[in-house]
Amino acid sequence: MSGFDFTWRYKVFTTSDEIFDDLKLLLLNPLVAMFLTTRRFTSDALELAQKSGVIARSGEQLTVFLADRGIGISNDKGTMKFDKGQFHKW
């Protein structure tokens, strides 16, 4: 979608205070929008995500998040290493 400006969509579709009125949401049901990429976000993309309430995370941030929680990490003789099998098992 080269040349497509997403900014106008943000401004048009988020002007209403009743943006979620037509959704059938239950009380206390979390509604979270996330955008994950294996690349990095431009500053404009991050700004748009922040303004629209979308959580944007790059591949590096996702990797650190998973590693901090031990996902796919095994202890090999005192050395922490990535374990593809453990990651897939998770």
PDB file of N, CA and C in Angstrom:
ATOM      1  N   MET A   1       0.844  -1.189   0.000  1.00  0.00           N
ATOM      2  CA  MET A   1       0.000   0.000   0.000  1.00  0.00           C
ATOM      3  C   MET A   1       0.883   1.242   0.000  1.00  0.00           C
ATOM      4  N   SER A   2       1.731   1.312  -0.905  1.00  0.00           N
ATOM      5  CA  SER A   2       2.659   2.431  -0.994  1.00  0.00           C
ATOM      6  C   SER A   2       1.913   3.736  -1.175  1.00  0.00           C
ATOM      7  N   GLY A   3       2.307   4.734  -0.406  1.00  0.00           N
ATOM      8  CA  GLY A   3       1.705   6.048  -0.530  1.00  0.00           C
ATOM      9  C   GLY A   3       0.389   6.216   0.216  1.00  0.00           C
ATOM     10  N   PHE A   4      -0.093   5.194   0.893  1.00  0.00           N
ATOM     11  CA  PHE A   4      -1.360   5.275   1.608  1.00  0.00           C
ATOM     12  C   PHE A   4      -1.149   5.977   2.935  1.00  0.00           C
ATOM     13  N   ASP A   5      -1.938   6.978   3.238  1.00  0.00           N
ATOM     14  CA  ASP A   5      -1.792   7.751   4.472  1.00  0.00           C
ATOM     15  C   ASP A   5      -2.813   7.274   5.502  1.00  0.00           C
ATOM     16  N   PHE A   6      -2.343   6.567   6.526  1.00  0.00           N
ATOM     17  CA  PHE A   6      -3.225   6.046   7.558  1.00  0.00           C
ATOM     18  C   PHE A   6      -3.678   7.122   8.539  1.00  0.00           C
ATOM     19  N   THR A   7      -3.021   8.271   8.535  1.00  0.00           N
ATOM     20  CA  THR A   7      -3.352   9.338   9.485  1.00  0.00           C
ATOM     21  C   THR A   7      -4.797   9.789   9.332  1.00  0.00           C
ATOM     22  N   TRP A   8      -5.262   9.920   8.111  1.00  0.00           N
ATOM     23  CA  TRP A   8      -6.640  10.393   7.924  1.00  0.00           C
ATOM     24  C   TRP A   8      -7.632   9.386   8.482  1.00  0.00           C
ATOM     25  N   ARG A   9      -7.345   8.091   8.406  1.00  0.00           N
ATOM     26  CA  ARG A   9      -8.244   7.078   8.951  1.00  0.00           C
ATOM     27  C   ARG A   9      -8.344   7.226  10.464  1.00  0.00           C
ATOM     28  N   TYR A  10      -7.222   7.465  11.107  1.00  0.00           N
ATOM     29  CA  TYR A  10      -7.213   7.648  12.555  1.00  0.00           C
ATOM     30  C   TYR A  10      -8.107   8.819  12.938  1.00  0.00           C
ATOM     31  N   LYS A  11      -7.941   9.935  12.243  1.00  0.00           N
ATOM     32  CA  LYS A  11      -8.697  11.137  12.598  1.00  0.00           C
ATOM     33  C   LYS A  11     -10.183  10.979  12.321  1.00  0.00           C
ATOM     34  N   VAL A  12     -10.550  10.257  11.281  1.00  0.00           N
ATOM     35  CA  VAL A  12     -11.957  10.085  10.930  1.00  0.00           C
ATOM     36  C   VAL A  12     -12.634   9.080  11.846  1.00  0.00           C
ATOM     37  N   PHE A  13     -12.020   7.944  12.062  1.00  0.00           N
ATOM     38  CA  PHE A  13     -12.679   6.869  12.774  1.00  0.00           C
ATOM     39  C   PHE A  13     -12.579   6.961  14.286  1.00  0.00           C
ATOM     40  N   THR A  14     -11.838   7.904  14.826  1.00  0.00           N
ATOM     41  CA  THR A  14     -11.753   8.016  16.279  1.00  0.00           C
ATOM     42  C   THR A  14     -12.329   9.327  16.796  1.00  0.00           C
ATOM     43  N   THR A  15     -13.178   9.963  16.009  1.00  0.00           N
ATOM     44  CA  THR A  15     -13.752  11.228  16.458  1.00  0.00           C
ATOM     45  C   THR A  15     -14.961  11.025  17.365  1.00  0.00           C
ATOM     46  N   SER A  16     -15.587   9.862  17.311  1.00  0.00           N
ATOM     47  CA  SER A  16     -16.779   9.599  18.100  1.00  0.00           C
ATOM     48  C   SER A  16     -16.420   9.114  19.500  1.00  0.00           C
ATOM     49  N   ASP A  17     -17.160   9.596  20.502  1.00  0.00           N
ATOM     50  CA  ASP A  17     -16.975   9.117  21.869  1.00  0.00           C
ATOM     51  C   ASP A  17     -17.570   7.725  22.057  1.00  0.00           C
ATOM     52  N   GLU A  18     -18.481   7.329  21.178  1.00  0.00           N
ATOM     53  CA  GLU A  18     -19.156   6.035  21.281  1.00  0.00           C
ATOM     54  C   GLU A  18     -18.554   5.035  20.290  1.00  0.00           C
ATOM     55  N   ILE A  19     -17.235   4.998  20.190  1.00  0.00           N
ATOM     56  CA  ILE A  19     -16.565   4.182  19.184  1.00  0.00           C
ATOM     57  C   ILE A  19     -16.843   2.693  19.357  1.00  0.00           C
ATOM     58  N   PHE A  20     -17.088   2.221  20.582  1.00  0.00           N
ATOM     59  CA  PHE A  20     -17.304   0.799  20.818  1.00  0.00           C
ATOM     60  C   PHE A  20     -18.757   0.449  21.111  1.00  0.00           C
ATOM     61  N   ASP A  21     -19.686   1.385  20.926  1.00  0.00           N
ATOM     62  CA  ASP A  21     -21.086   1.135  21.254  1.00  0.00           C
ATOM     63  C   ASP A  21     -21.694  -0.031  20.487  1.00  0.00           C
ATOM     64  N   ASP A  22     -21.278  -0.237  19.244  1.00  0.00           N
ATOM     65  CA  ASP A  22     -21.874  -1.305  18.443  1.00  0.00           C
ATOM     66  C   ASP A  22     -21.271  -2.679  18.736  1.00  0.00           C
ATOM     67  N   LEU A  23     -20.238  -2.738  19.566  1.00  0.00           N
ATOM     68  CA  LEU A  23     -19.643  -4.016  19.948  1.00  0.00           C
ATOM     69  C   LEU A  23     -20.392  -4.618  21.125  1.00  0.00           C
ATOM     70  N   LYS A  24     -20.502  -5.917  21.131  1.00  0.00           N
ATOM     71  CA  LYS A  24     -21.177  -6.628  22.226  1.00  0.00           C
ATOM     72  C   LYS A  24     -20.124  -7.039  23.261  1.00  0.00           C
ATOM     73  N   LEU A  25     -19.684  -6.083  24.071  1.00  0.00           N
ATOM     74  CA  LEU A  25     -18.654  -6.339  25.073  1.00  0.00           C
ATOM     75  C   LEU A  25     -19.282  -6.627  26.424  1.00  0.00           C
ATOM     76  N   LEU A  26     -18.728  -7.615  27.122  1.00  0.00           N
ATOM     77  CA  LEU A  26     -19.171  -7.912  28.469  1.00  0.00           C
ATOM     78  C   LEU A  26     -18.407  -7.022  29.442  1.00  0.00           C
ATOM     79  N   LEU A  27     -19.036  -6.711  30.562  1.00  0.00           N
ATOM     80  CA  LEU A  27     -18.403  -5.898  31.580  1.00  0.00           C
ATOM     81  C   LEU A  27     -17.086  -6.533  32.012  1.00  0.00           C
ATOM     82  N   LEU A  28     -16.032  -5.752  32.076  1.00  0.00           N
ATOM     83  CA  LEU A  28     -14.699  -6.146  32.503  1.00  0.00           C
ATOM     84  C   LEU A  28     -13.967  -7.059  31.519  1.00  0.00           C
ATOM     85  N   ASN A  29     -14.478  -7.214  30.296  1.00  0.00           N
ATOM     86  CA  ASN A  29     -13.725  -7.946  29.272  1.00  0.00           C
ATOM     87  C   ASN A  29     -12.629  -7.043  28.746  1.00  0.00           C
ATOM     88  N   PRO A  30     -11.379  -7.490  28.811  1.00  0.00           N
ATOM     89  CA  PRO A  30     -10.299  -6.637  28.300  1.00  0.00           C
ATOM     90  C   PRO A  30     -10.334  -6.573  26.775  1.00  0.00           C
ATOM     91  N   LEU A  31     -10.092  -5.404  26.262  1.00  0.00           N
ATOM     92  CA  LEU A  31      -9.998  -5.203  24.823  1.00  0.00           C
ATOM     93  C   LEU A  31      -8.663  -4.533  24.572  1.00  0.00           C
ATOM     94  N   VAL A  32      -7.737  -5.277  23.964  1.00  0.00           N
ATOM     95  CA  VAL A  32      -6.391  -4.786  23.754  1.00  0.00           C
ATOM     96  C   VAL A  32      -6.046  -4.953  22.288  1.00  0.00           C
ATOM     97  N   ALA A  33      -5.491  -3.913  21.711  1.00  0.00           N
ATOM     98  CA  ALA A  33      -5.026  -3.992  20.328  1.00  0.00           C
ATOM     99  C   ALA A  33      -3.504  -3.923  20.342  1.00  0.00           C
ATOM    100  N   MET A  34      -2.883  -4.923  19.725  1.00  0.00           N
ATOM    101  CA  MET A  34      -1.428  -4.965  19.657  1.00  0.00           C
ATOM    102  C   MET A  34      -1.007  -5.116  18.205  1.00  0.00           C
ATOM    103  N   PHE A  35       0.110  -4.512  17.877  1.00  0.00           N
ATOM    104  CA  PHE A  35       0.701  -4.658  16.557  1.00  0.00           C
ATOM    105  C   PHE A  35       2.143  -5.079  16.774  1.00  0.00           C
ATOM    106  N   LEU A  36       2.467  -6.302  16.345  1.00  0.00           N
ATOM    107  CA  LEU A  36       3.817  -6.839  16.493  1.00  0.00           C
ATOM    108  C   LEU A  36       4.448  -6.938  15.110  1.00  0.00           C
ATOM    109  N   THR A  37       5.714  -6.625  15.039  1.00  0.00           N
ATOM    110  CA  THR A  37       6.442  -6.741  13.785  1.00  0.00           C
ATOM    111  C   THR A  37       7.832  -7.280  14.050  1.00  0.00           C
ATOM    112  N   THR A  38       8.414  -7.912  13.048  1.00  0.00           N
ATOM    113  CA  THR A  38       9.789  -8.369  13.175  1.00  0.00           C
ATOM    114  C   THR A  38      10.764  -7.250  12.839  1.00  0.00           C
ATOM    115  N   ARG A  39      10.248  -6.151  12.360  1.00  0.00           N
ATOM    116  CA  ARG A  39      11.062  -4.994  11.997  1.00  0.00           C
ATOM    117  C   ARG A  39      10.935  -3.926  13.077  1.00  0.00           C
ATOM    118  N   ARG A  40      11.358  -2.729  12.747  1.00  0.00           N
ATOM    119  CA  ARG A  40      11.219  -1.582  13.660  1.00  0.00           C
ATOM    120  C   ARG A  40      10.137  -0.650  13.141  1.00  0.00           C
ATOM    121  N   PHE A  41       9.531   0.105  14.052  1.00  0.00           N
ATOM    122  CA  PHE A  41       8.503   1.067  13.686  1.00  0.00           C
ATOM    123  C   PHE A  41       9.132   2.423  13.389  1.00  0.00           C
ATOM    124  N   THR A  42       8.544   3.142  12.455  1.00  0.00           N
ATOM    125  CA  THR A  42       8.962   4.525  12.227  1.00  0.00           C
ATOM    126  C   THR A  42       8.406   5.370  13.370  1.00  0.00           C
ATOM    127  N   SER A  43       8.930   6.560  13.532  1.00  0.00           N
ATOM    128  CA  SER A  43       8.427   7.435  14.593  1.00  0.00           C
ATOM    129  C   SER A  43       6.970   7.809  14.341  1.00  0.00           C
ATOM    130  N   ASP A  44       6.588   7.988  13.072  1.00  0.00           N
ATOM    131  CA  ASP A  44       5.187   8.291  12.749  1.00  0.00           C
ATOM    132  C   ASP A  44       4.268   7.129  13.106  1.00  0.00           C
ATOM    133  N   ALA A  45       4.714   5.910  12.835  1.00  0.00           N
ATOM    134  CA  ALA A  45       3.908   4.730  13.165  1.00  0.00           C
ATOM    135  C   ALA A  45       3.733   4.605  14.672  1.00  0.00           C
ATOM    136  N   LEU A  46       4.794   4.853  15.428  1.00  0.00           N
ATOM    137  CA  LEU A  46       4.694   4.793  16.889  1.00  0.00           C
ATOM    138  C   LEU A  46       3.761   5.869  17.425  1.00  0.00           C
ATOM    139  N   GLU A  47       3.828   7.055  16.842  1.00  0.00           N
ATOM    140  CA  GLU A  47       2.946   8.141  17.271  1.00  0.00           C
ATOM    141  C   GLU A  47       1.486   7.799  16.989  1.00  0.00           C
ATOM    142  N   LEU A  48       1.215   7.256  15.807  1.00  0.00           N
ATOM    143  CA  LEU A  48      -0.152   6.873  15.453  1.00  0.00           C
ATOM    144  C   LEU A  48      -0.658   5.775  16.381  1.00  0.00           C
ATOM    145  N   ALA A  49       0.186   4.786  16.663  1.00  0.00           N
ATOM    146  CA  ALA A  49      -0.209   3.707  17.568  1.00  0.00           C
ATOM    147  C   ALA A  49      -0.542   4.253  18.953  1.00  0.00           C
ATOM    148  N   GLN A  50       0.300   5.154  19.447  1.00  0.00           N
ATOM    149  CA  GLN A  50       0.066   5.733  20.774  1.00  0.00           C
ATOM    150  C   GLN A  50      -1.239   6.520  20.796  1.00  0.00           C
ATOM    151  N   LYS A  51      -1.488   7.322  19.781  1.00  0.00           N
ATOM    152  CA  LYS A  51      -2.707   8.133  19.736  1.00  0.00           C
ATOM    153  C   LYS A  51      -3.963   7.275  19.630  1.00  0.00           C
ATOM    154  N   SER A  52      -3.849   6.116  18.993  1.00  0.00           N
ATOM    155  CA  SER A  52      -5.028   5.280  18.793  1.00  0.00           C
ATOM    156  C   SER A  52      -5.163   4.177  19.837  1.00  0.00           C
ATOM    157  N   GLY A  53      -4.245   4.136  20.803  1.00  0.00           N
ATOM    158  CA  GLY A  53      -4.354   3.161  21.881  1.00  0.00           C
ATOM    159  C   GLY A  53      -3.859   1.772  21.514  1.00  0.00           C
ATOM    160  N   VAL A  54      -3.083   1.656  20.463  1.00  0.00           N
ATOM    161  CA  VAL A  54      -2.539   0.366  20.033  1.00  0.00           C
ATOM    162  C   VAL A  54      -1.163   0.173  20.662  1.00  0.00           C
ATOM    163  N   ILE A  55      -0.927  -1.011  21.190  1.00  0.00           N
ATOM    164  CA  ILE A  55       0.379  -1.345  21.743  1.00  0.00           C
ATOM    165  C   ILE A  55       1.243  -1.840  20.593  1.00  0.00           C
ATOM    166  N   ALA A  56       2.309  -1.120  20.285  1.00  0.00           N
ATOM    167  CA  ALA A  56       3.194  -1.472  19.176  1.00  0.00           C
ATOM    168  C   ALA A  56       4.518  -1.976  19.726  1.00  0.00           C
ATOM    169  N   ARG A  57       4.929  -3.160  19.279  1.00  0.00           N
ATOM    170  CA  ARG A  57       6.178  -3.746  19.748  1.00  0.00           C
ATOM    171  C   ARG A  57       6.964  -4.287  18.554  1.00  0.00           C
ATOM    172  N   SER A  58       8.261  -3.994  18.562  1.00  0.00           N
ATOM    173  CA  SER A  58       9.148  -4.487  17.506  1.00  0.00           C
ATOM    174  C   SER A  58       9.582  -5.913  17.824  1.00  0.00           C
ATOM    175  N   GLY A  59      10.222  -6.543  16.865  1.00  0.00           N
ATOM    176  CA  GLY A  59      10.735  -7.886  17.079  1.00  0.00           C
ATOM    177  C   GLY A  59      11.734  -7.940  18.218  1.00  0.00           C
ATOM    178  N   GLU A  60      12.584  -6.907  18.316  1.00  0.00           N
ATOM    179  CA  GLU A  60      13.561  -6.855  19.412  1.00  0.00           C
ATOM    180  C   GLU A  60      12.865  -6.786  20.762  1.00  0.00           C
ATOM    181  N   GLN A  61      11.836  -5.959  20.863  1.00  0.00           N
ATOM    182  CA  GLN A  61      11.112  -5.828  22.133  1.00  0.00           C
ATOM    183  C   GLN A  61      10.401  -7.128  22.486  1.00  0.00           C
ATOM    184  N   LEU A  62       9.835  -7.791  21.496  1.00  0.00           N
ATOM    185  CA  LEU A  62       9.157  -9.065  21.734  1.00  0.00           C
ATOM    186  C   LEU A  62      10.154 -10.127  22.193  1.00  0.00           C
ATOM    187  N   THR A  63      11.317 -10.161  21.578  1.00  0.00           N
ATOM    188  CA  THR A  63      12.357 -11.115  21.953  1.00  0.00           C
ATOM    189  C   THR A  63      12.789 -10.908  23.399  1.00  0.00           C
ATOM    190  N   VAL A  64      13.028  -9.670  23.791  1.00  0.00           N
ATOM    191  CA  VAL A  64      13.431  -9.363  25.161  1.00  0.00           C
ATOM    192  C   VAL A  64      12.321  -9.745  26.137  1.00  0.00           C
ATOM    193  N   PHE A  65      11.081  -9.445  25.800  1.00  0.00           N
ATOM    194  CA  PHE A  65       9.935  -9.788  26.645  1.00  0.00           C
ATOM    195  C   PHE A  65       9.891 -11.290  26.907  1.00  0.00           C
ATOM    196  N   LEU A  66      10.022 -12.095  25.842  1.00  0.00           N
ATOM    197  CA  LEU A  66       9.969 -13.545  25.995  1.00  0.00           C
ATOM    198  C   LEU A  66      11.180 -14.072  26.766  1.00  0.00           C
ATOM    199  N   ALA A  67      12.362 -13.562  26.457  1.00  0.00           N
ATOM    200  CA  ALA A  67      13.580 -14.013  27.135  1.00  0.00           C
ATOM    201  C   ALA A  67      13.544 -13.678  28.619  1.00  0.00           C
ATOM    202  N   ASP A  68      13.030 -12.508  28.971  1.00  0.00           N
ATOM    203  CA  ASP A  68      12.929 -12.115  30.382  1.00  0.00           C
ATOM    204  C   ASP A  68      12.033 -13.064  31.171  1.00  0.00           C
ATOM    205  N   ARG A  69      11.120 -13.709  30.484  1.00  0.00           N
ATOM    206  CA  ARG A  69      10.208 -14.645  31.137  1.00  0.00           C
ATOM    207  C   ARG A  69      10.674 -16.096  30.988  1.00  0.00           C
ATOM    208  N   GLY A  70      11.858 -16.291  30.392  1.00  0.00           N
ATOM    209  CA  GLY A  70      12.425 -17.632  30.266  1.00  0.00           C
ATOM    210  C   GLY A  70      11.806 -18.478  29.174  1.00  0.00           C
ATOM    211  N   ILE A  71      11.048 -17.867  28.284  1.00  0.00           N
ATOM    212  CA  ILE A  71      10.399 -18.614  27.202  1.00  0.00           C
ATOM    213  C   ILE A  71      11.467 -19.039  26.196  1.00  0.00           C
ATOM    214  N   GLY A  72      11.647 -20.345  26.020  1.00  0.00           N
ATOM    215  CA  GLY A  72      12.617 -20.851  25.063  1.00  0.00           C
ATOM    216  C   GLY A  72      14.057 -20.788  25.531  1.00  0.00           C
ATOM    217  N   ILE A  73      14.256 -20.569  26.820  1.00  0.00           N
ATOM    218  CA  ILE A  73      15.608 -20.478  27.372  1.00  0.00           C
ATOM    219  C   ILE A  73      15.872 -21.714  28.231  1.00  0.00           C
ATOM    220  N   SER A  74      17.033 -22.329  28.044  1.00  0.00           N
ATOM    221  CA  SER A  74      17.402 -23.464  28.885  1.00  0.00           C
ATOM    222  C   SER A  74      18.788 -23.245  29.463  1.00  0.00           C
ATOM    223  N   ASN A  75      19.058 -23.903  30.574  1.00  0.00           N
ATOM    224  CA  ASN A  75      20.340 -23.798  31.253  1.00  0.00           C
ATOM    225  C   ASN A  75      21.213 -24.958  30.785  1.00  0.00           C
ATOM    226  N   ASP A  76      22.257 -24.650  30.061  1.00  0.00           N
ATOM    227  CA  ASP A  76      23.174 -25.660  29.547  1.00  0.00           C
ATOM    228  C   ASP A  76      24.509 -25.538  30.271  1.00  0.00           C
ATOM    229  N   LYS A  77      24.665 -26.307  31.347  1.00  0.00           N
ATOM    230  CA  LYS A  77      25.898 -26.304  32.149  1.00  0.00           C
ATOM    231  C   LYS A  77      26.244 -24.912  32.667  1.00  0.00           C
ATOM    232  N   GLY A  78      25.233 -24.220  33.177  1.00  0.00           N
ATOM    233  CA  GLY A  78      25.437 -22.898  33.753  1.00  0.00           C
ATOM    234  C   GLY A  78      25.345 -21.753  32.764  1.00  0.00           C
ATOM    235  N   THR A  79      25.166 -22.064  31.493  1.00  0.00           N
ATOM    236  CA  THR A  79      25.037 -21.025  30.468  1.00  0.00           C
ATOM    237  C   THR A  79      23.611 -21.015  29.936  1.00  0.00           C
ATOM    238  N   MET A  80      22.999 -19.854  29.941  1.00  0.00           N
ATOM    239  CA  MET A  80      21.640 -19.719  29.428  1.00  0.00           C
ATOM    240  C   MET A  80      21.688 -19.620  27.911  1.00  0.00           C
ATOM    241  N   LYS A  81      20.928 -20.501  27.245  1.00  0.00           N
ATOM    242  CA  LYS A  81      20.916 -20.532  25.781  1.00  0.00           C
ATOM    243  C   LYS A  81      19.495 -20.645  25.269  1.00  0.00           C
ATOM    244  N   PHE A  82      19.297 -20.168  24.044  1.00  0.00           N
ATOM    245  CA  PHE A  82      18.005 -20.327  23.395  1.00  0.00           C
ATOM    246  C   PHE A  82      17.821 -21.787  23.024  1.00  0.00           C
ATOM    247  N   ASP A  83      16.648 -22.326  23.326  1.00  0.00           N
ATOM    248  CA  ASP A  83      16.332 -23.719  23.033  1.00  0.00           C
ATOM    249  C   ASP A  83      15.073 -23.742  22.167  1.00  0.00           C
ATOM    250  N   LYS A  84      15.262 -24.013  20.892  1.00  0.00           N
ATOM    251  CA  LYS A  84      14.147 -23.992  19.935  1.00  0.00           C
ATOM    252  C   LYS A  84      13.040 -24.972  20.342  1.00  0.00           C
ATOM    253  N   GLY A  85      13.429 -26.137  20.832  1.00  0.00           N
ATOM    254  CA  GLY A  85      12.455 -27.127  21.271  1.00  0.00           C
ATOM    255  C   GLY A  85      11.603 -26.626  22.424  1.00  0.00           C
ATOM    256  N   GLN A  86      12.233 -26.005  23.419  1.00  0.00           N
ATOM    257  CA  GLN A  86      11.494 -25.431  24.549  1.00  0.00           C
ATOM    258  C   GLN A  86      10.572 -24.310  24.097  1.00  0.00           C
ATOM    259  N   PHE A  87      11.065 -23.519  23.134  1.00  0.00           N
ATOM    260  CA  PHE A  87      10.240 -22.428  22.633  1.00  0.00           C
ATOM    261  C   PHE A  87       8.992 -22.964  21.951  1.00  0.00           C
ATOM    262  N   HIS A  88       9.141 -23.972  21.113  1.00  0.00           N
ATOM    263  CA  HIS A  88       7.991 -24.551  20.403  1.00  0.00           C
ATOM    264  C   HIS A  88       7.054 -25.268  21.367  1.00  0.00           C
ATOM    265  N   LYS A  89       7.624 -25.869  22.426  1.00  0.00           N
ATOM    266  CA  LYS A  89       6.790 -26.549  23.425  1.00  0.00           C
ATOM    267  C   LYS A  89       5.915 -25.531  24.155  1.00  0.00           C
ATOM    268  N   TRP A  90       6.464 -24.331  24.398  1.00  0.00           N
ATOM    269  CA  TRP A  90       5.720 -23.282  25.081  1.00  0.00           C
ATOM    270  C   TRP A  90       4.521 -22.891  24.248  1.00  0.00           C
TER     271      TRP A  90
END
